[in-house]
Amino acid sequence: MTTETSNAESRTGTDSLPANTIFELLLDDQRRDALQYLSGKVGAVALEDLVAQVALRDGEASGTRVDAITAGFRHNHLPKLIDAAVVRYDTDAGTVERRPEAAALDPFLQLARRYEP
């Protein structure tokens, strides 16, 4: 199993994330949708399932759109989430798992959800 981890691995679940990190992570709609989806899951989920949920939230689940979202997650969103130590990505299994540190984002995700169109 190959798992990508970050330099923030030493942070414990009780430590909070810096405000700048929280706002950067929640700035992007697709990252917010992914974090929201993962918050309702126990354990790891397949990256393809995560991307499918994000595509549904975007309102377009065509093959081309799913491919673009997948590329965005592999090259942009997952590295940011991994660096912040809020998810684990198992490259061999192709799964994403929410880490306990992600709980610091929950109040902000709830607030953002109130203002979504």
PDB file of N, CA and C in Angstrom:
ATOM      1  N   MET A   1       0.851  -1.176   0.000  1.00  0.00           N
ATOM      2  CA  MET A   1       0.000   0.000   0.000  1.00  0.00           C
ATOM      3  C   MET A   1       0.889   1.228   0.000  1.00  0.00           C
ATOM      4  N   THR A   2       0.669   2.107  -0.940  1.00  0.00           N
ATOM      5  CA  THR A   2       1.395   3.366  -0.997  1.00  0.00           C
ATOM      6  C   THR A   2       0.438   4.475  -0.616  1.00  0.00           C
ATOM      7  N   THR A   3       0.746   5.153   0.471  1.00  0.00           N
ATOM      8  CA  THR A   3      -0.112   6.223   0.948  1.00  0.00           C
ATOM      9  C   THR A   3       0.663   7.517   0.918  1.00  0.00           C
ATOM     10  N   GLU A   4       0.064   8.542   0.299  1.00  0.00           N
ATOM     11  CA  GLU A   4       0.700   9.852   0.285  1.00  0.00           C
ATOM     12  C   GLU A   4       0.362  10.558   1.581  1.00  0.00           C
ATOM     13  N   THR A   5       1.392  11.081   2.223  1.00  0.00           N
ATOM     14  CA  THR A   5       1.206  11.805   3.474  1.00  0.00           C
ATOM     15  C   THR A   5       1.897  13.150   3.367  1.00  0.00           C
ATOM     16  N   SER A   6       1.754  13.958   4.384  1.00  0.00           N
ATOM     17  CA  SER A   6       2.296  15.308   4.332  1.00  0.00           C
ATOM     18  C   SER A   6       3.282  15.556   5.443  1.00  0.00           C
ATOM     19  N   ASN A   7       3.876  16.739   5.409  1.00  0.00           N
ATOM     20  CA  ASN A   7       4.755  17.171   6.487  1.00  0.00           C
ATOM     21  C   ASN A   7       3.972  17.468   7.749  1.00  0.00           C
ATOM     22  N   ALA A   8       2.677  17.611   7.645  1.00  0.00           N
ATOM     23  CA  ALA A   8       1.839  17.941   8.797  1.00  0.00           C
ATOM     24  C   ALA A   8       1.394  16.693   9.555  1.00  0.00           C
ATOM     25  N   GLU A   9       1.960  15.534   9.238  1.00  0.00           N
ATOM     26  CA  GLU A   9       1.573  14.283   9.879  1.00  0.00           C
ATOM     27  C   GLU A   9       1.726  14.320  11.390  1.00  0.00           C
ATOM     28  N   SER A  10       2.643  15.126  11.895  1.00  0.00           N
ATOM     29  CA  SER A  10       2.880  15.158  13.332  1.00  0.00           C
ATOM     30  C   SER A  10       1.768  15.870  14.087  1.00  0.00           C
ATOM     31  N   ARG A  11       0.919  16.592  13.378  1.00  0.00           N
ATOM     32  CA  ARG A  11      -0.176  17.303  14.031  1.00  0.00           C
ATOM     33  C   ARG A  11      -1.185  16.284  14.549  1.00  0.00           C
ATOM     34  N   THR A  12      -1.714  16.502  15.734  1.00  0.00           N
ATOM     35  CA  THR A  12      -2.692  15.578  16.295  1.00  0.00           C
ATOM     36  C   THR A  12      -4.090  16.029  15.947  1.00  0.00           C
ATOM     37  N   GLY A  13      -5.065  15.160  16.158  1.00  0.00           N
ATOM     38  CA  GLY A  13      -6.453  15.472  15.853  1.00  0.00           C
ATOM     39  C   GLY A  13      -7.006  16.623  16.672  1.00  0.00           C
ATOM     40  N   THR A  14      -6.382  16.936  17.802  1.00  0.00           N
ATOM     41  CA  THR A  14      -6.905  18.012  18.640  1.00  0.00           C
ATOM     42  C   THR A  14      -6.359  19.370  18.232  1.00  0.00           C
ATOM     43  N   ASP A  15      -5.301  19.397  17.446  1.00  0.00           N
ATOM     44  CA  ASP A  15      -4.761  20.672  16.970  1.00  0.00           C
ATOM     45  C   ASP A  15      -5.674  21.212  15.882  1.00  0.00           C
ATOM     46  N   SER A  16      -5.844  22.517  15.871  1.00  0.00           N
ATOM     47  CA  SER A  16      -6.676  23.102  14.823  1.00  0.00           C
ATOM     48  C   SER A  16      -5.809  23.502  13.643  1.00  0.00           C
ATOM     49  N   LEU A  17      -6.453  23.623  12.511  1.00  0.00           N
ATOM     50  CA  LEU A  17      -5.759  24.068  11.307  1.00  0.00           C
ATOM     51  C   LEU A  17      -5.638  25.584  11.342  1.00  0.00           C
ATOM     52  N   PRO A  18      -4.566  26.130  10.771  1.00  0.00           N
ATOM     53  CA  PRO A  18      -4.456  27.589  10.673  1.00  0.00           C
ATOM     54  C   PRO A  18      -5.602  28.152   9.825  1.00  0.00           C
ATOM     55  N   ALA A  19      -6.058  29.341  10.169  1.00  0.00           N
ATOM     56  CA  ALA A  19      -7.182  29.964   9.458  1.00  0.00           C
ATOM     57  C   ALA A  19      -6.913  30.068   7.961  1.00  0.00           C
ATOM     58  N   ASN A  20      -5.697  30.440   7.571  1.00  0.00           N
ATOM     59  CA  ASN A  20      -5.383  30.562   6.141  1.00  0.00           C
ATOM     60  C   ASN A  20      -5.545  29.232   5.422  1.00  0.00           C
ATOM     61  N   THR A  21      -5.154  28.145   6.079  1.00  0.00           N
ATOM     62  CA  THR A  21      -5.294  26.813   5.487  1.00  0.00           C
ATOM     63  C   THR A  21      -6.762  26.459   5.323  1.00  0.00           C
ATOM     64  N   ILE A  22      -7.550  26.712   6.356  1.00  0.00           N
ATOM     65  CA  ILE A  22      -8.986  26.421   6.291  1.00  0.00           C
ATOM     66  C   ILE A  22      -9.619  27.155   5.116  1.00  0.00           C
ATOM     67  N   PHE A  23      -9.356  28.445   5.010  1.00  0.00           N
ATOM     68  CA  PHE A  23      -9.993  29.226   3.950  1.00  0.00           C
ATOM     69  C   PHE A  23      -9.473  28.842   2.571  1.00  0.00           C
ATOM     70  N   GLU A  24      -8.201  28.500   2.463  1.00  0.00           N
ATOM     71  CA  GLU A  24      -7.673  28.057   1.170  1.00  0.00           C
ATOM     72  C   GLU A  24      -8.325  26.744   0.746  1.00  0.00           C
ATOM     73  N   LEU A  25      -8.464  25.815   1.684  1.00  0.00           N
ATOM     74  CA  LEU A  25      -9.074  24.529   1.352  1.00  0.00           C
ATOM     75  C   LEU A  25     -10.532  24.684   0.936  1.00  0.00           C
ATOM     76  N   LEU A  26     -11.241  25.601   1.576  1.00  0.00           N
ATOM     77  CA  LEU A  26     -12.668  25.761   1.309  1.00  0.00           C
ATOM     78  C   LEU A  26     -12.971  26.756   0.195  1.00  0.00           C
ATOM     79  N   LEU A  27     -11.947  27.367  -0.356  1.00  0.00           N
ATOM     80  CA  LEU A  27     -12.124  28.358  -1.413  1.00  0.00           C
ATOM     81  C   LEU A  27     -12.719  27.752  -2.680  1.00  0.00           C
ATOM     82  N   ASP A  28     -12.355  26.521  -2.983  1.00  0.00           N
ATOM     83  CA  ASP A  28     -12.773  25.882  -4.227  1.00  0.00           C
ATOM     84  C   ASP A  28     -14.048  25.055  -4.019  1.00  0.00           C
ATOM     85  N   ASP A  29     -15.023  25.225  -4.905  1.00  0.00           N
ATOM     86  CA  ASP A  29     -16.295  24.496  -4.806  1.00  0.00           C
ATOM     87  C   ASP A  29     -16.099  22.983  -4.823  1.00  0.00           C
ATOM     88  N   GLN A  30     -15.241  22.501  -5.714  1.00  0.00           N
ATOM     89  CA  GLN A  30     -15.048  21.058  -5.819  1.00  0.00           C
ATOM     90  C   GLN A  30     -14.387  20.488  -4.566  1.00  0.00           C
ATOM     91  N   ARG A  31     -13.437  21.211  -3.998  1.00  0.00           N
ATOM     92  CA  ARG A  31     -12.827  20.743  -2.742  1.00  0.00           C
ATOM     93  C   ARG A  31     -13.863  20.726  -1.628  1.00  0.00           C
ATOM     94  N   ARG A  32     -14.688  21.780  -1.561  1.00  0.00           N
ATOM     95  CA  ARG A  32     -15.748  21.813  -0.539  1.00  0.00           C
ATOM     96  C   ARG A  32     -16.695  20.632  -0.717  1.00  0.00           C
ATOM     97  N   ASP A  33     -17.100  20.376  -1.961  1.00  0.00           N
ATOM     98  CA  ASP A  33     -18.001  19.249  -2.223  1.00  0.00           C
ATOM     99  C   ASP A  33     -17.358  17.924  -1.809  1.00  0.00           C
ATOM    100  N   ALA A  34     -16.090  17.760  -2.111  1.00  0.00           N
ATOM    101  CA  ALA A  34     -15.384  16.531  -1.745  1.00  0.00           C
ATOM    102  C   ALA A  34     -15.285  16.385  -0.228  1.00  0.00           C
ATOM    103  N   LEU A  35     -14.928  17.462   0.451  1.00  0.00           N
ATOM    104  CA  LEU A  35     -14.824  17.414   1.912  1.00  0.00           C
ATOM    105  C   LEU A  35     -16.184  17.133   2.542  1.00  0.00           C
ATOM    106  N   GLN A  36     -17.226  17.712   1.985  1.00  0.00           N
ATOM    107  CA  GLN A  36     -18.583  17.467   2.475  1.00  0.00           C
ATOM    108  C   GLN A  36     -18.948  15.995   2.306  1.00  0.00           C
ATOM    109  N   TYR A  37     -18.660  15.440   1.131  1.00  0.00           N
ATOM    110  CA  TYR A  37     -18.949  14.031   0.857  1.00  0.00           C
ATOM    111  C   TYR A  37     -18.172  13.127   1.814  1.00  0.00           C
ATOM    112  N   LEU A  38     -16.888  13.405   1.984  1.00  0.00           N
ATOM    113  CA  LEU A  38     -16.061  12.578   2.867  1.00  0.00           C
ATOM    114  C   LEU A  38     -16.499  12.675   4.325  1.00  0.00           C
ATOM    115  N   SER A  39     -17.063  13.811   4.711  1.00  0.00           N
ATOM    116  CA  SER A  39     -17.485  13.973   6.108  1.00  0.00           C
ATOM    117  C   SER A  39     -18.625  13.020   6.464  1.00  0.00           C
ATOM    118  N   GLY A  40     -19.345  12.549   5.470  1.00  0.00           N
ATOM    119  CA  GLY A  40     -20.436  11.614   5.710  1.00  0.00           C
ATOM    120  C   GLY A  40     -20.055  10.159   5.522  1.00  0.00           C
ATOM    121  N   LYS A  41     -18.791   9.892   5.302  1.00  0.00           N
ATOM    122  CA  LYS A  41     -18.325   8.526   5.048  1.00  0.00           C
ATOM    123  C   LYS A  41     -17.416   8.047   6.176  1.00  0.00           C
ATOM    124  N   VAL A  42     -17.462   6.750   6.423  1.00  0.00           N
ATOM    125  CA  VAL A  42     -16.551   6.131   7.378  1.00  0.00           C
ATOM    126  C   VAL A  42     -15.575   5.294   6.567  1.00  0.00           C
ATOM    127  N   GLY A  43     -14.292   5.553   6.733  1.00  0.00           N
ATOM    128  CA  GLY A  43     -13.287   4.810   5.998  1.00  0.00           C
ATOM    129  C   GLY A  43     -13.008   5.412   4.632  1.00  0.00           C
ATOM    130  N   ALA A  44     -12.246   4.661   3.861  1.00  0.00           N
ATOM    131  CA  ALA A  44     -11.796   5.133   2.555  1.00  0.00           C
ATOM    132  C   ALA A  44     -12.883   4.949   1.499  1.00  0.00           C
ATOM    133  N   VAL A  45     -12.880   5.854   0.527  1.00  0.00           N
ATOM    134  CA  VAL A  45     -13.778   5.750  -0.624  1.00  0.00           C
ATOM    135  C   VAL A  45     -12.927   5.795  -1.890  1.00  0.00           C
ATOM    136  N   ALA A  46     -13.420   5.162  -2.924  1.00  0.00           N
ATOM    137  CA  ALA A  46     -12.704   5.170  -4.201  1.00  0.00           C
ATOM    138  C   ALA A  46     -12.683   6.589  -4.760  1.00  0.00           C
ATOM    139  N   LEU A  47     -11.538   6.978  -5.313  1.00  0.00           N
ATOM    140  CA  LEU A  47     -11.425   8.300  -5.922  1.00  0.00           C
ATOM    141  C   LEU A  47     -12.496   8.486  -6.991  1.00  0.00           C
ATOM    142  N   GLU A  48     -12.779   7.436  -7.752  1.00  0.00           N
ATOM    143  CA  GLU A  48     -13.791   7.553  -8.809  1.00  0.00           C
ATOM    144  C   GLU A  48     -15.180   7.832  -8.224  1.00  0.00           C
ATOM    145  N   ASP A  49     -15.490   7.289  -7.046  1.00  0.00           N
ATOM    146  CA  ASP A  49     -16.775   7.581  -6.395  1.00  0.00           C
ATOM    147  C   ASP A  49     -16.821   9.027  -5.910  1.00  0.00           C
ATOM    148  N   LEU A  50     -15.713   9.485  -5.359  1.00  0.00           N
ATOM    149  CA  LEU A  50     -15.626  10.870  -4.896  1.00  0.00           C
ATOM    150  C   LEU A  50     -15.818  11.833  -6.066  1.00  0.00           C
ATOM    151  N   VAL A  51     -15.135  11.561  -7.161  1.00  0.00           N
ATOM    152  CA  VAL A  51     -15.236  12.409  -8.354  1.00  0.00           C
ATOM    153  C   VAL A  51     -16.660  12.378  -8.915  1.00  0.00           C
ATOM    154  N   ALA A  52     -17.290  11.206  -8.914  1.00  0.00           N
ATOM    155  CA  ALA A  52     -18.667  11.098  -9.410  1.00  0.00           C
ATOM    156  C   ALA A  52     -19.608  11.972  -8.588  1.00  0.00           C
ATOM    157  N   GLN A  53     -19.417  12.004  -7.283  1.00  0.00           N
ATOM    158  CA  GLN A  53     -20.255  12.844  -6.421  1.00  0.00           C
ATOM    159  C   GLN A  53     -20.027  14.328  -6.704  1.00  0.00           C
ATOM    160  N   VAL A  54     -18.773  14.695  -6.894  1.00  0.00           N
ATOM    161  CA  VAL A  54     -18.453  16.096  -7.202  1.00  0.00           C
ATOM    162  C   VAL A  54     -19.064  16.483  -8.549  1.00  0.00           C
ATOM    163  N   ALA A  55     -18.983  15.591  -9.527  1.00  0.00           N
ATOM    164  CA  ALA A  55     -19.561  15.862 -10.850  1.00  0.00           C
ATOM    165  C   ALA A  55     -21.076  16.036 -10.756  1.00  0.00           C
ATOM    166  N   LEU A  56     -21.728  15.229  -9.947  1.00  0.00           N
ATOM    167  CA  LEU A  56     -23.175  15.370  -9.760  1.00  0.00           C
ATOM    168  C   LEU A  56     -23.520  16.716  -9.140  1.00  0.00           C
ATOM    169  N   ARG A  57     -22.721  17.150  -8.169  1.00  0.00           N
ATOM    170  CA  ARG A  57     -22.949  18.455  -7.538  1.00  0.00           C
ATOM    171  C   ARG A  57     -22.728  19.584  -8.542  1.00  0.00           C
ATOM    172  N   ASP A  58     -21.782  19.373  -9.457  1.00  0.00           N
ATOM    173  CA  ASP A  58     -21.522  20.370 -10.504  1.00  0.00           C
ATOM    174  C   ASP A  58     -22.652  20.412 -11.531  1.00  0.00           C
ATOM    175  N   GLY A  59     -23.460  19.351 -11.556  1.00  0.00           N
ATOM    176  CA  GLY A  59     -24.575  19.302 -12.490  1.00  0.00           C
ATOM    177  C   GLY A  59     -24.228  18.726 -13.845  1.00  0.00           C
ATOM    178  N   GLU A  60     -23.017  18.213 -13.988  1.00  0.00           N
ATOM    179  CA  GLU A  60     -22.616  17.638 -15.274  1.00  0.00           C
ATOM    180  C   GLU A  60     -21.734  16.427 -15.029  1.00  0.00           C
ATOM    181  N   ALA A  61     -22.277  15.242 -15.311  1.00  0.00           N
ATOM    182  CA  ALA A  61     -21.542  14.013 -15.058  1.00  0.00           C
ATOM    183  C   ALA A  61     -21.143  13.309 -16.350  1.00  0.00           C
ATOM    184  N   SER A  62     -20.916  14.071 -17.425  1.00  0.00           N
ATOM    185  CA  SER A  62     -20.486  13.471 -18.689  1.00  0.00           C
ATOM    186  C   SER A  62     -19.074  12.915 -18.531  1.00  0.00           C
ATOM    187  N   GLY A  63     -18.713  11.996 -19.400  1.00  0.00           N
ATOM    188  CA  GLY A  63     -17.392  11.375 -19.331  1.00  0.00           C
ATOM    189  C   GLY A  63     -16.259  12.379 -19.408  1.00  0.00           C
ATOM    190  N   THR A  64     -16.398  13.358 -20.286  1.00  0.00           N
ATOM    191  CA  THR A  64     -15.369  14.385 -20.435  1.00  0.00           C
ATOM    192  C   THR A  64     -15.235  15.210 -19.162  1.00  0.00           C
ATOM    193  N   ARG A  65     -16.362  15.561 -18.578  1.00  0.00           N
ATOM    194  CA  ARG A  65     -16.350  16.370 -17.352  1.00  0.00           C
ATOM    195  C   ARG A  65     -15.751  15.578 -16.195  1.00  0.00           C
ATOM    196  N   VAL A  66     -16.101  14.304 -16.077  1.00  0.00           N
ATOM    197  CA  VAL A  66     -15.553  13.452 -15.016  1.00  0.00           C
ATOM    198  C   VAL A  66     -14.043  13.324 -15.176  1.00  0.00           C
ATOM    199  N   ASP A  67     -13.572  13.168 -16.407  1.00  0.00           N
ATOM    200  CA  ASP A  67     -12.125  13.087 -16.652  1.00  0.00           C
ATOM    201  C   ASP A  67     -11.425  14.368 -16.216  1.00  0.00           C
ATOM    202  N   ALA A  68     -12.027  15.511 -16.515  1.00  0.00           N
ATOM    203  CA  ALA A  68     -11.436  16.797 -16.130  1.00  0.00           C
ATOM    204  C   ALA A  68     -11.409  16.953 -14.611  1.00  0.00           C
ATOM    205  N   ILE A  69     -12.474  16.543 -13.943  1.00  0.00           N
ATOM    206  CA  ILE A  69     -12.518  16.633 -12.481  1.00  0.00           C
ATOM    207  C   ILE A  69     -11.487  15.694 -11.862  1.00  0.00           C
ATOM    208  N   THR A  70     -11.361  14.488 -12.414  1.00  0.00           N
ATOM    209  CA  THR A  70     -10.367  13.531 -11.913  1.00  0.00           C
ATOM    210  C   THR A  70      -8.966  14.109 -12.025  1.00  0.00           C
ATOM    211  N   ALA A  71      -8.649  14.698 -13.169  1.00  0.00           N
ATOM    212  CA  ALA A  71      -7.329  15.317 -13.350  1.00  0.00           C
ATOM    213  C   ALA A  71      -7.129  16.444 -12.349  1.00  0.00           C
ATOM    214  N   GLY A  72      -8.157  17.243 -12.131  1.00  0.00           N
ATOM    215  CA  GLY A  72      -8.069  18.326 -11.156  1.00  0.00           C
ATOM    216  C   GLY A  72      -7.794  17.818  -9.755  1.00  0.00           C
ATOM    217  N   PHE A  73      -8.407  16.706  -9.398  1.00  0.00           N
ATOM    218  CA  PHE A  73      -8.163  16.144  -8.066  1.00  0.00           C
ATOM    219  C   PHE A  73      -6.756  15.580  -7.957  1.00  0.00           C
ATOM    220  N   ARG A  74      -6.327  14.854  -8.971  1.00  0.00           N
ATOM    221  CA  ARG A  74      -4.989  14.248  -8.895  1.00  0.00           C
ATOM    222  C   ARG A  74      -3.875  15.288  -8.865  1.00  0.00           C
ATOM    223  N   HIS A  75      -4.036  16.362  -9.613  1.00  0.00           N
ATOM    224  CA  HIS A  75      -2.945  17.332  -9.759  1.00  0.00           C
ATOM    225  C   HIS A  75      -3.079  18.580  -8.897  1.00  0.00           C
ATOM    226  N   ASN A  76      -4.254  18.853  -8.376  1.00  0.00           N
ATOM    227  CA  ASN A  76      -4.456  20.090  -7.628  1.00  0.00           C
ATOM    228  C   ASN A  76      -5.061  19.840  -6.249  1.00  0.00           C
ATOM    229  N   HIS A  77      -6.279  19.317  -6.230  1.00  0.00           N
ATOM    230  CA  HIS A  77      -7.021  19.232  -4.974  1.00  0.00           C
ATOM    231  C   HIS A  77      -6.427  18.234  -3.981  1.00  0.00           C
ATOM    232  N   LEU A  78      -6.140  17.010  -4.420  1.00  0.00           N
ATOM    233  CA  LEU A  78      -5.583  16.024  -3.487  1.00  0.00           C
ATOM    234  C   LEU A  78      -4.259  16.478  -2.880  1.00  0.00           C
ATOM    235  N   PRO A  79      -3.320  17.009  -3.671  1.00  0.00           N
ATOM    236  CA  PRO A  79      -2.080  17.481  -3.038  1.00  0.00           C
ATOM    237  C   PRO A  79      -2.323  18.536  -1.955  1.00  0.00           C
ATOM    238  N   LYS A  80      -3.253  19.449  -2.179  1.00  0.00           N
ATOM    239  CA  LYS A  80      -3.549  20.467  -1.154  1.00  0.00           C
ATOM    240  C   LYS A  80      -4.153  19.832   0.088  1.00  0.00           C
ATOM    241  N   LEU A  81      -5.078  18.906  -0.109  1.00  0.00           N
ATOM    242  CA  LEU A  81      -5.724  18.247   1.023  1.00  0.00           C
ATOM    243  C   LEU A  81      -4.746  17.361   1.792  1.00  0.00           C
ATOM    244  N   ILE A  82      -3.841  16.723   1.070  1.00  0.00           N
ATOM    245  CA  ILE A  82      -2.817  15.885   1.703  1.00  0.00           C
ATOM    246  C   ILE A  82      -1.837  16.752   2.481  1.00  0.00           C
ATOM    247  N   ASP A  83      -1.382  17.843   1.877  1.00  0.00           N
ATOM    248  CA  ASP A  83      -0.449  18.750   2.560  1.00  0.00           C
ATOM    249  C   ASP A  83      -1.038  19.320   3.841  1.00  0.00           C
ATOM    250  N   ALA A  84      -2.341  19.535   3.856  1.00  0.00           N
ATOM    251  CA  ALA A  84      -3.010  20.054   5.056  1.00  0.00           C
ATOM    252  C   ALA A  84      -3.307  18.938   6.059  1.00  0.00           C
ATOM    253  N   ALA A  85      -3.008  17.704   5.686  1.00  0.00           N
ATOM    254  CA  ALA A  85      -3.213  16.521   6.536  1.00  0.00           C
ATOM    255  C   ALA A  85      -4.680  16.302   6.887  1.00  0.00           C
ATOM    256  N   VAL A  86      -5.589  16.628   5.952  1.00  0.00           N
ATOM    257  CA  VAL A  86      -7.006  16.378   6.210  1.00  0.00           C
ATOM    258  C   VAL A  86      -7.522  15.144   5.471  1.00  0.00           C
ATOM    259  N   VAL A  87      -6.738  14.623   4.509  1.00  0.00           N
ATOM    260  CA  VAL A  87      -7.078  13.360   3.850  1.00  0.00           C
ATOM    261  C   VAL A  87      -5.820  12.525   3.663  1.00  0.00           C
ATOM    262  N   ARG A  88      -6.055  11.241   3.475  1.00  0.00           N
ATOM    263  CA  ARG A  88      -5.021  10.298   3.053  1.00  0.00           C
ATOM    264  C   ARG A  88      -5.427   9.804   1.670  1.00  0.00           C
ATOM    265  N   TYR A  89      -4.447   9.633   0.806  1.00  0.00           N
ATOM    266  CA  TYR A  89      -4.718   9.099  -0.523  1.00  0.00           C
ATOM    267  C   TYR A  89      -3.841   7.882  -0.719  1.00  0.00           C
ATOM    268  N   ASP A  90      -4.462   6.729  -0.921  1.00  0.00           N
ATOM    269  CA  ASP A  90      -3.746   5.489  -1.185  1.00  0.00           C
ATOM    270  C   ASP A  90      -3.662   5.344  -2.700  1.00  0.00           C
ATOM    271  N   THR A  91      -2.478   5.596  -3.240  1.00  0.00           N
ATOM    272  CA  THR A  91      -2.318   5.588  -4.697  1.00  0.00           C
ATOM    273  C   THR A  91      -2.496   4.195  -5.287  1.00  0.00           C
ATOM    274  N   ASP A  92      -2.093   3.164  -4.551  1.00  0.00           N
ATOM    275  CA  ASP A  92      -2.243   1.796  -5.064  1.00  0.00           C
ATOM    276  C   ASP A  92      -3.709   1.384  -5.143  1.00  0.00           C
ATOM    277  N   ALA A  93      -4.457   1.679  -4.098  1.00  0.00           N
ATOM    278  CA  ALA A  93      -5.872   1.295  -4.052  1.00  0.00           C
ATOM    279  C   ALA A  93      -6.766   2.316  -4.745  1.00  0.00           C
ATOM    280  N   GLY A  94      -6.250   3.528  -4.954  1.00  0.00           N
ATOM    281  CA  GLY A  94      -7.057   4.589  -5.556  1.00  0.00           C
ATOM    282  C   GLY A  94      -8.162   5.071  -4.631  1.00  0.00           C
ATOM    283  N   THR A  95      -7.849   5.107  -3.322  1.00  0.00           N
ATOM    284  CA  THR A  95      -8.858   5.514  -2.343  1.00  0.00           C
ATOM    285  C   THR A  95      -8.440   6.767  -1.586  1.00  0.00           C
ATOM    286  N   VAL A  96      -9.450   7.493  -1.142  1.00  0.00           N
ATOM    287  CA  VAL A  96      -9.261   8.715  -0.365  1.00  0.00           C
ATOM    288  C   VAL A  96      -9.968   8.507   0.968  1.00  0.00           C
ATOM    289  N   GLU A  97      -9.302   8.912   2.038  1.00  0.00           N
ATOM    290  CA  GLU A  97      -9.892   8.762   3.369  1.00  0.00           C
ATOM    291  C   GLU A  97      -9.746  10.057   4.151  1.00  0.00           C
ATOM    292  N   ARG A  98     -10.804  10.457   4.777  1.00  0.00           N
ATOM    293  CA  ARG A  98     -10.792  11.650   5.634  1.00  0.00           C
ATOM    294  C   ARG A  98     -10.004  11.329   6.902  1.00  0.00           C
ATOM    295  N   ARG A  99      -9.134  12.237   7.283  1.00  0.00           N
ATOM    296  CA  ARG A  99      -8.368  12.092   8.520  1.00  0.00           C
ATOM    297  C   ARG A  99      -9.101  12.814   9.648  1.00  0.00           C
ATOM    298  N   PRO A 100      -8.820  12.462  10.900  1.00  0.00           N
ATOM    299  CA  PRO A 100      -9.477  13.128  12.033  1.00  0.00           C
ATOM    300  C   PRO A 100      -9.276  14.646  12.034  1.00  0.00           C
ATOM    301  N   GLU A 101      -8.147  15.112  11.518  1.00  0.00           N
ATOM    302  CA  GLU A 101      -7.860  16.550  11.474  1.00  0.00           C
ATOM    303  C   GLU A 101      -8.886  17.324  10.655  1.00  0.00           C
ATOM    304  N   ALA A 102      -9.560  16.645   9.739  1.00  0.00           N
ATOM    305  CA  ALA A 102     -10.557  17.301   8.890  1.00  0.00           C
ATOM    306  C   ALA A 102     -11.766  17.784   9.681  1.00  0.00           C
ATOM    307  N   ALA A 103     -11.945  17.278  10.886  1.00  0.00           N
ATOM    308  CA  ALA A 103     -13.076  17.718  11.718  1.00  0.00           C
ATOM    309  C   ALA A 103     -13.014  19.219  11.988  1.00  0.00           C
ATOM    310  N   ALA A 104     -11.816  19.800  11.949  1.00  0.00           N
ATOM    311  CA  ALA A 104     -11.671  21.248  12.154  1.00  0.00           C
ATOM    312  C   ALA A 104     -12.377  22.042  11.056  1.00  0.00           C
ATOM    313  N   LEU A 105     -12.624  21.413   9.912  1.00  0.00           N
ATOM    314  CA  LEU A 105     -13.286  22.087   8.791  1.00  0.00           C
ATOM    315  C   LEU A 105     -14.810  22.033   8.883  1.00  0.00           C
ATOM    316  N   ASP A 106     -15.347  21.133   9.688  1.00  0.00           N
ATOM    317  CA  ASP A 106     -16.790  20.892   9.713  1.00  0.00           C
ATOM    318  C   ASP A 106     -17.636  22.136   9.981  1.00  0.00           C
ATOM    319  N   PRO A 107     -17.317  22.963  10.985  1.00  0.00           N
ATOM    320  CA  PRO A 107     -18.160  24.146  11.202  1.00  0.00           C
ATOM    321  C   PRO A 107     -18.164  25.094   9.999  1.00  0.00           C
ATOM    322  N   PHE A 108     -17.040  25.171   9.315  1.00  0.00           N
ATOM    323  CA  PHE A 108     -16.930  26.056   8.152  1.00  0.00           C
ATOM    324  C   PHE A 108     -17.667  25.473   6.946  1.00  0.00           C
ATOM    325  N   LEU A 109     -17.642  24.145   6.819  1.00  0.00           N
ATOM    326  CA  LEU A 109     -18.410  23.491   5.757  1.00  0.00           C
ATOM    327  C   LEU A 109     -19.907  23.719   5.965  1.00  0.00           C
ATOM    328  N   GLN A 110     -20.356  23.620   7.208  1.00  0.00           N
ATOM    329  CA  GLN A 110     -21.774  23.860   7.506  1.00  0.00           C
ATOM    330  C   GLN A 110     -22.162  25.298   7.182  1.00  0.00           C
ATOM    331  N   LEU A 111     -21.304  26.222   7.527  1.00  0.00           N
ATOM    332  CA  LEU A 111     -21.569  27.632   7.234  1.00  0.00           C
ATOM    333  C   LEU A 111     -21.622  27.872   5.724  1.00  0.00           C
ATOM    334  N   ALA A 112     -20.669  27.312   5.005  1.00  0.00           N
ATOM    335  CA  ALA A 112     -20.634  27.477   3.549  1.00  0.00           C
ATOM    336  C   ALA A 112     -21.885  26.884   2.903  1.00  0.00           C
ATOM    337  N   ARG A 113     -22.354  25.766   3.428  1.00  0.00           N
ATOM    338  CA  ARG A 113     -23.540  25.106   2.871  1.00  0.00           C
ATOM    339  C   ARG A 113     -24.773  26.007   2.967  1.00  0.00           C
ATOM    340  N   ARG A 114     -24.851  26.806   4.026  1.00  0.00           N
ATOM    341  CA  ARG A 114     -25.992  27.715   4.195  1.00  0.00           C
ATOM    342  C   ARG A 114     -26.070  28.757   3.089  1.00  0.00           C
ATOM    343  N   TYR A 115     -24.925  29.107   2.519  1.00  0.00           N
ATOM    344  CA  TYR A 115     -24.877  30.184   1.528  1.00  0.00           C
ATOM    345  C   TYR A 115     -24.728  29.689   0.100  1.00  0.00           C
ATOM    346  N   GLU A 116     -24.798  28.368  -0.094  1.00  0.00           N
ATOM    347  CA  GLU A 116     -24.712  27.824  -1.448  1.00  0.00           C
ATOM    348  C   GLU A 116     -26.006  28.102  -2.198  1.00  0.00           C
ATOM    349  N   PRO A 117     -25.885  28.340  -3.497  1.00  0.00           N
ATOM    350  CA  PRO A 117     -27.103  28.591  -4.299  1.00  0.00           C
ATOM    351  C   PRO A 117     -27.964  27.348  -4.420  1.00  0.00           C
TER     352      PRO A 117
END
